[in-house]
């Protein structure tokens, strides 16, 4: 994420320089643009990791507002299936990463078979409904459109996203510890090399460093990241003194935040984004205040001379 945000900053400032030659002068006082981040699930956890670590390192995060839709990070309340899976990952940790570093569909042939299966599920609604029900029950009863998710364009014969074993292991570590922590590398020396401390960083303890408004959103029907887990983000932020944080719930399952595109969610997101004042307006106000101060100083000086 730091590389991605820095690239956005580089491109944005180069574009603004075409229209505002003095953009470098302005950026020394205030960022000449506003960047809001809308994230979902694991993306929400990644954004929180990013902003907290950047603040600890005393580096600019360049963000103006966070909107977190069912963010990962706290997983105290999970389904029985996920509770059992944590023991599978812990027992297989010494061996599995050597043979299965990530979970994905290998080879073009097997990905083609999966695509064919998904098309059949769409063409035969009864079969698709059965698979949808089975998948929903296996992961705790979540009613998201899992069959539709497998039919997305980025699931194709040539390429397909996968899930790292260490990512799953990280979620297990978070659940067992009850804290939103960075990845534990398994030894004091390894953690010291990465974090400078024997234990991985507890992000929840540093929520007080978050200096931008945060909107936390949960799904009442979400069985992957249940509302109680999302509310913990909100509660810890409030207790840590985050100045501007809000919480809201929708009648959504986990994937509904990305698939539904319902008007109520779009209206909510836009209403939060509109709260961010444009950088140009703030710059004009700032320049106006400076001009006003100069005029007052000049006036005072003139009166003194008289």
C-alpha atoms as a PDB file:
ATOM      1  CA  UNK A   1       0.000   0.000   0.000  1.00  0.00           C
ATOM      2  CA  UNK A   2       2.737   2.586   0.692  1.00  0.00           C
ATOM      3  CA  UNK A   3       4.062   2.137  -2.850  1.00  0.00           C
ATOM      4  CA  UNK A   4       0.562   2.460  -4.323  1.00  0.00           C
ATOM      5  CA  UNK A   5      -0.331   5.592  -2.324  1.00  0.00           C
ATOM      6  CA  UNK A   6       3.031   7.194  -3.095  1.00  0.00           C
ATOM      7  CA  UNK A   7       2.458   6.546  -6.798  1.00  0.00           C
ATOM      8  CA  UNK A   8      -0.988   8.155  -6.592  1.00  0.00           C
ATOM      9  CA  UNK A   9       0.613  11.170  -4.918  1.00  0.00           C
ATOM     10  CA  UNK A  10       3.286  11.393  -7.599  1.00  0.00           C
ATOM     11  CA  UNK A  11       0.758  11.243 -10.453  1.00  0.00           C
ATOM     12  CA  UNK A  12      -1.693  13.639  -8.798  1.00  0.00           C
ATOM     13  CA  UNK A  13       0.893  16.314  -8.030  1.00  0.00           C
ATOM     14  CA  UNK A  14       2.314  16.074 -11.557  1.00  0.00           C
ATOM     15  CA  UNK A  15      -1.193  16.577 -12.980  1.00  0.00           C
ATOM     16  CA  UNK A  16      -1.913  19.517 -10.678  1.00  0.00           C
ATOM     17  CA  UNK A  17       1.401  21.099 -11.620  1.00  0.00           C
ATOM     18  CA  UNK A  18       0.113  21.536 -15.167  1.00  0.00           C
ATOM     19  CA  UNK A  19      -2.706  23.781 -13.936  1.00  0.00           C
ATOM     20  CA  UNK A  20      -1.113  25.179 -10.789  1.00  0.00           C
ATOM     21  CA  UNK A  21       2.596  25.973 -11.282  1.00  0.00           C
ATOM     22  CA  UNK A  22       2.964  26.788  -7.579  1.00  0.00           C
ATOM     23  CA  UNK A  23       1.612  23.393  -6.429  1.00  0.00           C
ATOM     24  CA  UNK A  24       4.954  22.513  -4.822  1.00  0.00           C
ATOM     25  CA  UNK A  25       4.740  25.633  -2.656  1.00  0.00           C
ATOM     26  CA  UNK A  26       1.193  24.763  -1.600  1.00  0.00           C
ATOM     27  CA  UNK A  27       2.007  21.106  -0.920  1.00  0.00           C
ATOM     28  CA  UNK A  28       4.662  22.129   1.607  1.00  0.00           C
ATOM     29  CA  UNK A  29       1.888  23.642   3.751  1.00  0.00           C
ATOM     30  CA  UNK A  30      -1.018  21.387   2.860  1.00  0.00           C
ATOM     31  CA  UNK A  31      -1.667  18.468   0.507  1.00  0.00           C
ATOM     32  CA  UNK A  32      -3.151  19.971  -2.685  1.00  0.00           C
ATOM     33  CA  UNK A  33      -5.736  17.199  -3.114  1.00  0.00           C
ATOM     34  CA  UNK A  34      -7.982  14.971  -1.004  1.00  0.00           C
ATOM     35  CA  UNK A  35      -7.716  11.183  -1.085  1.00  0.00           C
ATOM     36  CA  UNK A  36     -10.483   9.072   0.476  1.00  0.00           C
ATOM     37  CA  UNK A  37     -10.273   5.306   0.786  1.00  0.00           C
ATOM     38  CA  UNK A  38     -13.264   2.971   0.527  1.00  0.00           C
ATOM     39  CA  UNK A  39     -12.349  -0.587   1.484  1.00  0.00           C
ATOM     40  CA  UNK A  40     -14.071  -3.896   2.197  1.00  0.00           C
ATOM     41  CA  UNK A  41     -13.189  -6.900   4.383  1.00  0.00           C
ATOM     42  CA  UNK A  42      -9.444  -7.656   4.221  1.00  0.00           C
ATOM     43  CA  UNK A  43      -8.963  -4.345   2.446  1.00  0.00           C
ATOM     44  CA  UNK A  44     -10.256  -2.587   5.550  1.00  0.00           C
ATOM     45  CA  UNK A  45      -7.687  -4.360   7.722  1.00  0.00           C
ATOM     46  CA  UNK A  46      -4.912  -3.483   5.253  1.00  0.00           C
ATOM     47  CA  UNK A  47      -5.913   0.209   5.274  1.00  0.00           C
ATOM     48  CA  UNK A  48      -5.861   0.320   9.077  1.00  0.00           C
ATOM     49  CA  UNK A  49      -2.439  -1.366   9.119  1.00  0.00           C
ATOM     50  CA  UNK A  50      -1.200   1.183   6.610  1.00  0.00           C
ATOM     51  CA  UNK A  51      -2.376   4.338   8.362  1.00  0.00           C
ATOM     52  CA  UNK A  52      -1.242   3.202  11.833  1.00  0.00           C
ATOM     53  CA  UNK A  53       2.243   2.103  10.697  1.00  0.00           C
ATOM     54  CA  UNK A  54       2.736   5.297   8.675  1.00  0.00           C
ATOM     55  CA  UNK A  55       1.822   7.401  11.695  1.00  0.00           C
ATOM     56  CA  UNK A  56       4.232   5.412  13.886  1.00  0.00           C
ATOM     57  CA  UNK A  57       6.980   5.949  11.299  1.00  0.00           C
ATOM     58  CA  UNK A  58       6.046   9.649  11.172  1.00  0.00           C
ATOM     59  CA  UNK A  59       5.521   9.489   7.418  1.00  0.00           C
ATOM     60  CA  UNK A  60       2.586  11.094   5.557  1.00  0.00           C
ATOM     61  CA  UNK A  61      -0.254   8.685   4.826  1.00  0.00           C
ATOM     62  CA  UNK A  62      -1.944  11.210   2.458  1.00  0.00           C
ATOM     63  CA  UNK A  63      -5.459  10.020   3.348  1.00  0.00           C
ATOM     64  CA  UNK A  64      -8.360  12.340   4.134  1.00  0.00           C
ATOM     65  CA  UNK A  65     -11.123   9.890   5.121  1.00  0.00           C
ATOM     66  CA  UNK A  66     -11.618   6.137   5.606  1.00  0.00           C
ATOM     67  CA  UNK A  67     -14.846   4.271   4.842  1.00  0.00           C
ATOM     68  CA  UNK A  68     -14.529   0.683   6.071  1.00  0.00           C
ATOM     69  CA  UNK A  69     -17.171  -1.791   4.906  1.00  0.00           C
ATOM     70  CA  UNK A  70     -17.229  -4.863   7.149  1.00  0.00           C
ATOM     71  CA  UNK A  71     -13.479  -4.587   7.881  1.00  0.00           C
ATOM     72  CA  UNK A  72     -11.430  -7.556   9.032  1.00  0.00           C
ATOM     73  CA  UNK A  73      -9.118  -7.244  12.040  1.00  0.00           C
ATOM     74  CA  UNK A  74     -11.087  -8.523  15.017  1.00  0.00           C
ATOM     75  CA  UNK A  75     -12.481 -12.049  14.843  1.00  0.00           C
ATOM     76  CA  UNK A  76     -13.576 -12.984  18.338  1.00  0.00           C
ATOM     77  CA  UNK A  77     -17.067 -14.011  17.153  1.00  0.00           C
ATOM     78  CA  UNK A  78     -16.839 -16.545  14.299  1.00  0.00           C
ATOM     79  CA  UNK A  79     -18.762 -19.566  13.035  1.00  0.00           C
ATOM     80  CA  UNK A  80     -17.985 -23.128  14.120  1.00  0.00           C
ATOM     81  CA  UNK A  81     -16.395 -23.852  10.730  1.00  0.00           C
ATOM     82  CA  UNK A  82     -13.827 -21.068  11.098  1.00  0.00           C
ATOM     83  CA  UNK A  83     -13.203 -21.998  14.706  1.00  0.00           C
ATOM     84  CA  UNK A  84     -12.304 -25.541  13.625  1.00  0.00           C
ATOM     85  CA  UNK A  85     -10.203 -24.380  10.671  1.00  0.00           C
ATOM     86  CA  UNK A  86      -7.851 -22.476  12.962  1.00  0.00           C
ATOM     87  CA  UNK A  87      -6.645 -25.749  14.474  1.00  0.00           C
ATOM     88  CA  UNK A  88      -6.081 -27.213  11.002  1.00  0.00           C
ATOM     89  CA  UNK A  89      -3.820 -24.301  10.090  1.00  0.00           C
ATOM     90  CA  UNK A  90      -1.949 -24.389  13.378  1.00  0.00           C
ATOM     91  CA  UNK A  91      -1.276 -28.139  13.108  1.00  0.00           C
ATOM     92  CA  UNK A  92      -0.221 -27.919   9.458  1.00  0.00           C
ATOM     93  CA  UNK A  93       1.907 -24.779   9.893  1.00  0.00           C
ATOM     94  CA  UNK A  94       5.312 -26.562  10.047  1.00  0.00           C
ATOM     95  CA  UNK A  95       4.691 -28.616   6.879  1.00  0.00           C
ATOM     96  CA  UNK A  96       2.017 -27.175   4.598  1.00  0.00           C
ATOM     97  CA  UNK A  97       3.750 -23.906   3.537  1.00  0.00           C
ATOM     98  CA  UNK A  98       6.534 -25.974   1.940  1.00  0.00           C
ATOM     99  CA  UNK A  99       4.087 -27.767  -0.338  1.00  0.00           C
ATOM    100  CA  UNK A 100       1.074 -25.422  -0.489  1.00  0.00           C
ATOM    101  CA  UNK A 101       2.272 -21.808  -0.080  1.00  0.00           C
ATOM    102  CA  UNK A 102      -1.076 -20.537  -1.432  1.00  0.00           C
ATOM    103  CA  UNK A 103      -4.574 -21.788  -2.205  1.00  0.00           C
ATOM    104  CA  UNK A 104      -5.581 -21.395  -5.853  1.00  0.00           C
ATOM    105  CA  UNK A 105      -6.756 -23.393  -8.877  1.00  0.00           C
ATOM    106  CA  UNK A 106      -3.599 -24.603 -10.671  1.00  0.00           C
ATOM    107  CA  UNK A 107      -3.160 -24.993 -14.449  1.00  0.00           C
ATOM    108  CA  UNK A 108      -5.275 -23.602 -17.258  1.00  0.00           C
ATOM    109  CA  UNK A 109      -7.145 -26.896 -17.624  1.00  0.00           C
ATOM    110  CA  UNK A 110      -8.557 -26.956 -14.075  1.00  0.00           C
ATOM    111  CA  UNK A 111      -9.447 -23.265 -14.227  1.00  0.00           C
ATOM    112  CA  UNK A 112     -11.349 -24.007 -17.437  1.00  0.00           C
ATOM    113  CA  UNK A 113     -13.263 -26.764 -15.634  1.00  0.00           C
ATOM    114  CA  UNK A 114     -14.180 -24.361 -12.829  1.00  0.00           C
ATOM    115  CA  UNK A 115     -15.450 -21.781 -15.329  1.00  0.00           C
ATOM    116  CA  UNK A 116     -17.513 -24.450 -17.063  1.00  0.00           C
ATOM    117  CA  UNK A 117     -18.985 -25.511 -13.718  1.00  0.00           C
ATOM    118  CA  UNK A 118     -19.882 -21.917 -12.815  1.00  0.00           C
ATOM    119  CA  UNK A 119     -21.612 -21.408 -16.179  1.00  0.00           C
ATOM    120  CA  UNK A 120     -23.611 -24.580 -15.605  1.00  0.00           C
ATOM    121  CA  UNK A 121     -24.642 -23.352 -12.169  1.00  0.00           C
ATOM    122  CA  UNK A 122     -25.962 -20.153 -13.760  1.00  0.00           C
ATOM    123  CA  UNK A 123     -27.758 -22.042 -16.531  1.00  0.00           C
ATOM    124  CA  UNK A 124     -29.399 -24.458 -14.094  1.00  0.00           C
ATOM    125  CA  UNK A 125     -30.841 -22.305 -11.288  1.00  0.00           C
ATOM    126  CA  UNK A 126     -31.926 -25.283  -9.174  1.00  0.00           C
ATOM    127  CA  UNK A 127     -28.382 -26.690  -9.071  1.00  0.00           C
ATOM    128  CA  UNK A 128     -26.944 -23.233  -8.532  1.00  0.00           C
ATOM    129  CA  UNK A 129     -29.340 -22.662  -5.637  1.00  0.00           C
ATOM    130  CA  UNK A 130     -28.291 -25.951  -4.055  1.00  0.00           C
ATOM    131  CA  UNK A 131     -24.597 -25.083  -4.303  1.00  0.00           C
ATOM    132  CA  UNK A 132     -25.327 -21.600  -2.968  1.00  0.00           C
ATOM    133  CA  UNK A 133     -27.132 -23.078   0.055  1.00  0.00           C
ATOM    134  CA  UNK A 134     -24.351 -25.587   0.740  1.00  0.00           C
ATOM    135  CA  UNK A 135     -21.619 -22.963   0.518  1.00  0.00           C
ATOM    136  CA  UNK A 136     -23.567 -20.567   2.723  1.00  0.00           C
ATOM    137  CA  UNK A 137     -24.104 -23.228   5.400  1.00  0.00           C
ATOM    138  CA  UNK A 138     -20.459 -24.337   5.348  1.00  0.00           C
ATOM    139  CA  UNK A 139     -19.226 -20.812   6.076  1.00  0.00           C
ATOM    140  CA  UNK A 140     -21.766 -20.114   8.784  1.00  0.00           C
ATOM    141  CA  UNK A 141     -25.002 -19.342   6.949  1.00  0.00           C
ATOM    142  CA  UNK A 142     -23.895 -16.227   5.067  1.00  0.00           C
ATOM    143  CA  UNK A 143     -26.415 -15.491   2.296  1.00  0.00           C
ATOM    144  CA  UNK A 144     -24.002 -13.753  -0.100  1.00  0.00           C
ATOM    145  CA  UNK A 145     -24.077 -14.570  -3.810  1.00  0.00           C
ATOM    146  CA  UNK A 146     -21.145 -16.998  -3.776  1.00  0.00           C
ATOM    147  CA  UNK A 147     -21.987 -18.519  -7.156  1.00  0.00           C
ATOM    148  CA  UNK A 148     -22.077 -15.052  -8.674  1.00  0.00           C
ATOM    149  CA  UNK A 149     -18.703 -14.260  -7.108  1.00  0.00           C
ATOM    150  CA  UNK A 150     -17.089 -17.207  -8.871  1.00  0.00           C
ATOM    151  CA  UNK A 151     -18.452 -15.887 -12.175  1.00  0.00           C
ATOM    152  CA  UNK A 152     -16.567 -12.586 -11.992  1.00  0.00           C
ATOM    153  CA  UNK A 153     -14.257 -11.759 -14.937  1.00  0.00           C
ATOM    154  CA  UNK A 154     -11.035 -12.073 -12.936  1.00  0.00           C
ATOM    155  CA  UNK A 155     -11.821 -15.764 -12.396  1.00  0.00           C
ATOM    156  CA  UNK A 156     -10.819 -16.975 -15.857  1.00  0.00           C
ATOM    157  CA  UNK A 157      -8.817 -19.682 -17.569  1.00  0.00           C
ATOM    158  CA  UNK A 158      -5.632 -17.652 -17.896  1.00  0.00           C
ATOM    159  CA  UNK A 159      -5.380 -16.340 -14.378  1.00  0.00           C
ATOM    160  CA  UNK A 160      -7.119 -16.490 -11.034  1.00  0.00           C
ATOM    161  CA  UNK A 161      -6.497 -14.899  -7.623  1.00  0.00           C
ATOM    162  CA  UNK A 162      -5.278 -17.066  -4.775  1.00  0.00           C
ATOM    163  CA  UNK A 163      -5.023 -16.860  -0.993  1.00  0.00           C
ATOM    164  CA  UNK A 164      -1.670 -17.033   0.739  1.00  0.00           C
ATOM    165  CA  UNK A 165      -1.247 -19.632   3.477  1.00  0.00           C
ATOM    166  CA  UNK A 166       0.367 -16.966   5.667  1.00  0.00           C
ATOM    167  CA  UNK A 167      -2.669 -14.724   5.209  1.00  0.00           C
ATOM    168  CA  UNK A 168      -4.911 -17.465   6.584  1.00  0.00           C
ATOM    169  CA  UNK A 169      -2.395 -18.092   9.361  1.00  0.00           C
ATOM    170  CA  UNK A 170      -2.431 -14.385  10.215  1.00  0.00           C
ATOM    171  CA  UNK A 171      -6.222 -14.462  10.641  1.00  0.00           C
ATOM    172  CA  UNK A 172      -5.820 -17.491  12.924  1.00  0.00           C
ATOM    173  CA  UNK A 173      -3.251 -15.598  15.022  1.00  0.00           C
ATOM    174  CA  UNK A 174      -5.637 -12.653  15.334  1.00  0.00           C
ATOM    175  CA  UNK A 175      -8.500 -14.882  16.433  1.00  0.00           C
ATOM    176  CA  UNK A 176      -6.428 -16.755  19.019  1.00  0.00           C
ATOM    177  CA  UNK A 177      -4.933 -13.602  20.513  1.00  0.00           C
ATOM    178  CA  UNK A 178      -8.188 -11.618  20.477  1.00  0.00           C
ATOM    179  CA  UNK A 179      -6.192  -8.625  19.237  1.00  0.00           C
ATOM    180  CA  UNK A 180      -5.710  -6.940  15.879  1.00  0.00           C
ATOM    181  CA  UNK A 181      -1.998  -7.649  15.547  1.00  0.00           C
ATOM    182  CA  UNK A 182       0.560  -7.709  12.775  1.00  0.00           C
ATOM    183  CA  UNK A 183       1.803 -11.080  11.526  1.00  0.00           C
ATOM    184  CA  UNK A 184       3.797 -13.109  14.054  1.00  0.00           C
ATOM    185  CA  UNK A 185       6.869 -14.581  12.340  1.00  0.00           C
ATOM    186  CA  UNK A 186       7.220 -17.219  15.035  1.00  0.00           C
ATOM    187  CA  UNK A 187      10.448 -16.200  16.723  1.00  0.00           C
ATOM    188  CA  UNK A 188      11.802 -13.293  18.733  1.00  0.00           C
ATOM    189  CA  UNK A 189      14.685 -12.700  16.308  1.00  0.00           C
ATOM    190  CA  UNK A 190      12.409 -12.592  13.248  1.00  0.00           C
ATOM    191  CA  UNK A 191       9.952 -10.219  14.931  1.00  0.00           C
ATOM    192  CA  UNK A 192      12.817  -8.010  16.126  1.00  0.00           C
ATOM    193  CA  UNK A 193      14.140  -7.765  12.583  1.00  0.00           C
ATOM    194  CA  UNK A 194      10.763  -6.722  11.156  1.00  0.00           C
ATOM    195  CA  UNK A 195       9.114  -4.766  13.984  1.00  0.00           C
ATOM    196  CA  UNK A 196      11.970  -3.905  16.323  1.00  0.00           C
ATOM    197  CA  UNK A 197      10.190  -5.704  19.180  1.00  0.00           C
ATOM    198  CA  UNK A 198       9.901  -9.359  20.252  1.00  0.00           C
ATOM    199  CA  UNK A 199       6.129  -9.277  19.756  1.00  0.00           C
ATOM    200  CA  UNK A 200       4.227  -8.175  16.633  1.00  0.00           C
ATOM    201  CA  UNK A 201       2.677  -4.732  16.727  1.00  0.00           C
ATOM    202  CA  UNK A 202      -0.777  -4.540  18.370  1.00  0.00           C
ATOM    203  CA  UNK A 203      -2.566  -2.152  16.008  1.00  0.00           C
ATOM    204  CA  UNK A 204      -5.531  -1.617  18.322  1.00  0.00           C
ATOM    205  CA  UNK A 205      -3.266  -0.031  20.917  1.00  0.00           C
ATOM    206  CA  UNK A 206      -2.267   2.628  18.371  1.00  0.00           C
ATOM    207  CA  UNK A 207      -5.729   3.507  17.047  1.00  0.00           C
ATOM    208  CA  UNK A 208      -5.327   6.840  18.827  1.00  0.00           C
ATOM    209  CA  UNK A 209      -2.821   7.840  16.123  1.00  0.00           C
ATOM    210  CA  UNK A 210      -5.557   7.809  13.451  1.00  0.00           C
ATOM    211  CA  UNK A 211      -5.988  11.473  12.550  1.00  0.00           C
ATOM    212  CA  UNK A 212      -8.654  11.313   9.826  1.00  0.00           C
ATOM    213  CA  UNK A 213     -12.436  10.710  10.012  1.00  0.00           C
ATOM    214  CA  UNK A 214     -13.399   7.022   9.922  1.00  0.00           C
ATOM    215  CA  UNK A 215     -16.771   5.532   8.976  1.00  0.00           C
ATOM    216  CA  UNK A 216     -17.220   1.918  10.091  1.00  0.00           C
ATOM    217  CA  UNK A 217     -20.011  -0.084   8.433  1.00  0.00           C
ATOM    218  CA  UNK A 218     -21.275  -3.573   9.361  1.00  0.00           C
ATOM    219  CA  UNK A 219     -23.701  -6.027   7.750  1.00  0.00           C
ATOM    220  CA  UNK A 220     -26.417  -7.402  10.015  1.00  0.00           C
ATOM    221  CA  UNK A 221     -26.576 -10.609   7.913  1.00  0.00           C
ATOM    222  CA  UNK A 222     -22.801 -10.922   7.602  1.00  0.00           C
ATOM    223  CA  UNK A 223     -21.648 -14.282   8.963  1.00  0.00           C
ATOM    224  CA  UNK A 224     -18.040 -13.941   7.764  1.00  0.00           C
ATOM    225  CA  UNK A 225     -17.194 -10.792   9.729  1.00  0.00           C
ATOM    226  CA  UNK A 226     -20.065 -10.463  12.150  1.00  0.00           C
ATOM    227  CA  UNK A 227     -21.328  -7.074  13.370  1.00  0.00           C
ATOM    228  CA  UNK A 228     -19.921  -7.698  16.855  1.00  0.00           C
ATOM    229  CA  UNK A 229     -16.410  -7.871  15.365  1.00  0.00           C
ATOM    230  CA  UNK A 230     -16.932  -4.683  13.361  1.00  0.00           C
ATOM    231  CA  UNK A 231     -18.336  -2.867  16.389  1.00  0.00           C
ATOM    232  CA  UNK A 232     -15.109  -3.663  18.221  1.00  0.00           C
ATOM    233  CA  UNK A 233     -13.190  -1.514  15.719  1.00  0.00           C
ATOM    234  CA  UNK A 234     -15.565   1.341  16.476  1.00  0.00           C
ATOM    235  CA  UNK A 235     -15.407   0.823  20.239  1.00  0.00           C
ATOM    236  CA  UNK A 236     -11.600   0.662  20.351  1.00  0.00           C
ATOM    237  CA  UNK A 237     -11.346   3.799  18.199  1.00  0.00           C
ATOM    238  CA  UNK A 238     -13.694   5.692  20.499  1.00  0.00           C
ATOM    239  CA  UNK A 239     -11.802   4.533  23.580  1.00  0.00           C
ATOM    240  CA  UNK A 240      -8.494   5.498  21.940  1.00  0.00           C
ATOM    241  CA  UNK A 241      -9.711   9.025  21.311  1.00  0.00           C
ATOM    242  CA  UNK A 242     -10.244   9.027  17.542  1.00  0.00           C
ATOM    243  CA  UNK A 243     -11.922  12.403  17.085  1.00  0.00           C
ATOM    244  CA  UNK A 244     -14.316  11.613  14.244  1.00  0.00           C
ATOM    245  CA  UNK A 245     -15.581   8.035  13.939  1.00  0.00           C
ATOM    246  CA  UNK A 246     -19.074   6.801  13.047  1.00  0.00           C
ATOM    247  CA  UNK A 247     -20.796   3.418  12.948  1.00  0.00           C
ATOM    248  CA  UNK A 248     -23.685   2.174  10.809  1.00  0.00           C
ATOM    249  CA  UNK A 249     -25.312  -1.172   9.971  1.00  0.00           C
ATOM    250  CA  UNK A 250     -27.093  -2.357   6.839  1.00  0.00           C
ATOM    251  CA  UNK A 251     -29.204  -5.459   6.219  1.00  0.00           C
ATOM    252  CA  UNK A 252     -26.367  -6.945   4.152  1.00  0.00           C
ATOM    253  CA  UNK A 253     -24.456 -10.202   3.967  1.00  0.00           C
ATOM    254  CA  UNK A 254     -20.685 -10.124   3.477  1.00  0.00           C
ATOM    255  CA  UNK A 255     -20.515  -9.830  -0.322  1.00  0.00           C
ATOM    256  CA  UNK A 256     -23.576  -7.586  -0.607  1.00  0.00           C
ATOM    257  CA  UNK A 257     -21.337  -4.581  -0.008  1.00  0.00           C
ATOM    258  CA  UNK A 258     -19.579  -5.227  -3.318  1.00  0.00           C
ATOM    259  CA  UNK A 259     -22.332  -6.926  -5.374  1.00  0.00           C
ATOM    260  CA  UNK A 260     -25.580  -5.256  -4.384  1.00  0.00           C
ATOM    261  CA  UNK A 261     -24.958  -1.630  -5.471  1.00  0.00           C
ATOM    262  CA  UNK A 262     -28.135  -0.719  -3.621  1.00  0.00           C
ATOM    263  CA  UNK A 263     -29.113   2.919  -3.600  1.00  0.00           C
ATOM    264  CA  UNK A 264     -29.035   3.193   0.187  1.00  0.00           C
ATOM    265  CA  UNK A 265     -25.380   2.126   0.363  1.00  0.00           C
ATOM    266  CA  UNK A 266     -24.361   4.356  -2.540  1.00  0.00           C
ATOM    267  CA  UNK A 267     -26.180   7.298  -0.960  1.00  0.00           C
ATOM    268  CA  UNK A 268     -24.472   6.666   2.387  1.00  0.00           C
ATOM    269  CA  UNK A 269     -20.990   6.440   0.863  1.00  0.00           C
ATOM    270  CA  UNK A 270     -21.517   9.617  -1.177  1.00  0.00           C
ATOM    271  CA  UNK A 271     -22.820  11.466   1.878  1.00  0.00           C
ATOM    272  CA  UNK A 272     -19.643  10.604   3.781  1.00  0.00           C
ATOM    273  CA  UNK A 273     -17.392  11.591   0.873  1.00  0.00           C
ATOM    274  CA  UNK A 274     -19.151  14.940   0.556  1.00  0.00           C
ATOM    275  CA  UNK A 275     -18.112  15.735   4.120  1.00  0.00           C
ATOM    276  CA  UNK A 276     -14.528  16.048   2.899  1.00  0.00           C
ATOM    277  CA  UNK A 277     -13.881  19.676   2.053  1.00  0.00           C
ATOM    278  CA  UNK A 278     -12.032  20.144  -1.277  1.00  0.00           C
ATOM    279  CA  UNK A 279      -8.367  21.004  -0.896  1.00  0.00           C
ATOM    280  CA  UNK A 280      -8.740  23.960  -3.231  1.00  0.00           C
ATOM    281  CA  UNK A 281     -11.391  25.533  -0.991  1.00  0.00           C
ATOM    282  CA  UNK A 282      -9.217  25.088   2.067  1.00  0.00           C
ATOM    283  CA  UNK A 283      -6.242  26.595   0.239  1.00  0.00           C
ATOM    284  CA  UNK A 284      -8.297  29.640  -0.778  1.00  0.00           C
ATOM    285  CA  UNK A 285      -9.474  30.067   2.821  1.00  0.00           C
ATOM    286  CA  UNK A 286      -5.917  29.745   4.080  1.00  0.00           C
ATOM    287  CA  UNK A 287      -4.634  32.308   1.607  1.00  0.00           C
ATOM    288  CA  UNK A 288      -7.525  34.614   2.521  1.00  0.00           C
ATOM    289  CA  UNK A 289      -6.640  34.379   6.200  1.00  0.00           C
ATOM    290  CA  UNK A 290      -2.994  35.152   5.432  1.00  0.00           C
ATOM    291  CA  UNK A 291      -3.981  38.159   3.325  1.00  0.00           C
ATOM    292  CA  UNK A 292      -6.294  39.355   6.087  1.00  0.00           C
ATOM    293  CA  UNK A 293      -3.502  39.062   8.662  1.00  0.00           C
ATOM    294  CA  UNK A 294      -1.091  40.975   6.401  1.00  0.00           C
ATOM    295  CA  UNK A 295      -3.638  43.739   5.900  1.00  0.00           C
ATOM    296  CA  UNK A 296      -4.267  43.959   9.640  1.00  0.00           C
ATOM    297  CA  UNK A 297      -0.535  44.040  10.332  1.00  0.00           C
ATOM    298  CA  UNK A 298      -0.009  46.748   7.699  1.00  0.00           C
ATOM    299  CA  UNK A 299      -2.916  48.749   9.099  1.00  0.00           C
ATOM    300  CA  UNK A 300      -1.574  48.472  12.644  1.00  0.00           C
ATOM    301  CA  UNK A 301       1.884  49.515  11.472  1.00  0.00           C
ATOM    302  CA  UNK A 302       0.421  52.519   9.601  1.00  0.00           C
ATOM    303  CA  UNK A 303      -1.535  53.643  12.657  1.00  0.00           C
ATOM    304  CA  UNK A 304       1.566  53.354  14.802  1.00  0.00           C
ATOM    305  CA  UNK A 305       3.573  55.528  12.384  1.00  0.00           C
ATOM    306  CA  UNK A 306       0.835  58.186  12.347  1.00  0.00           C
END
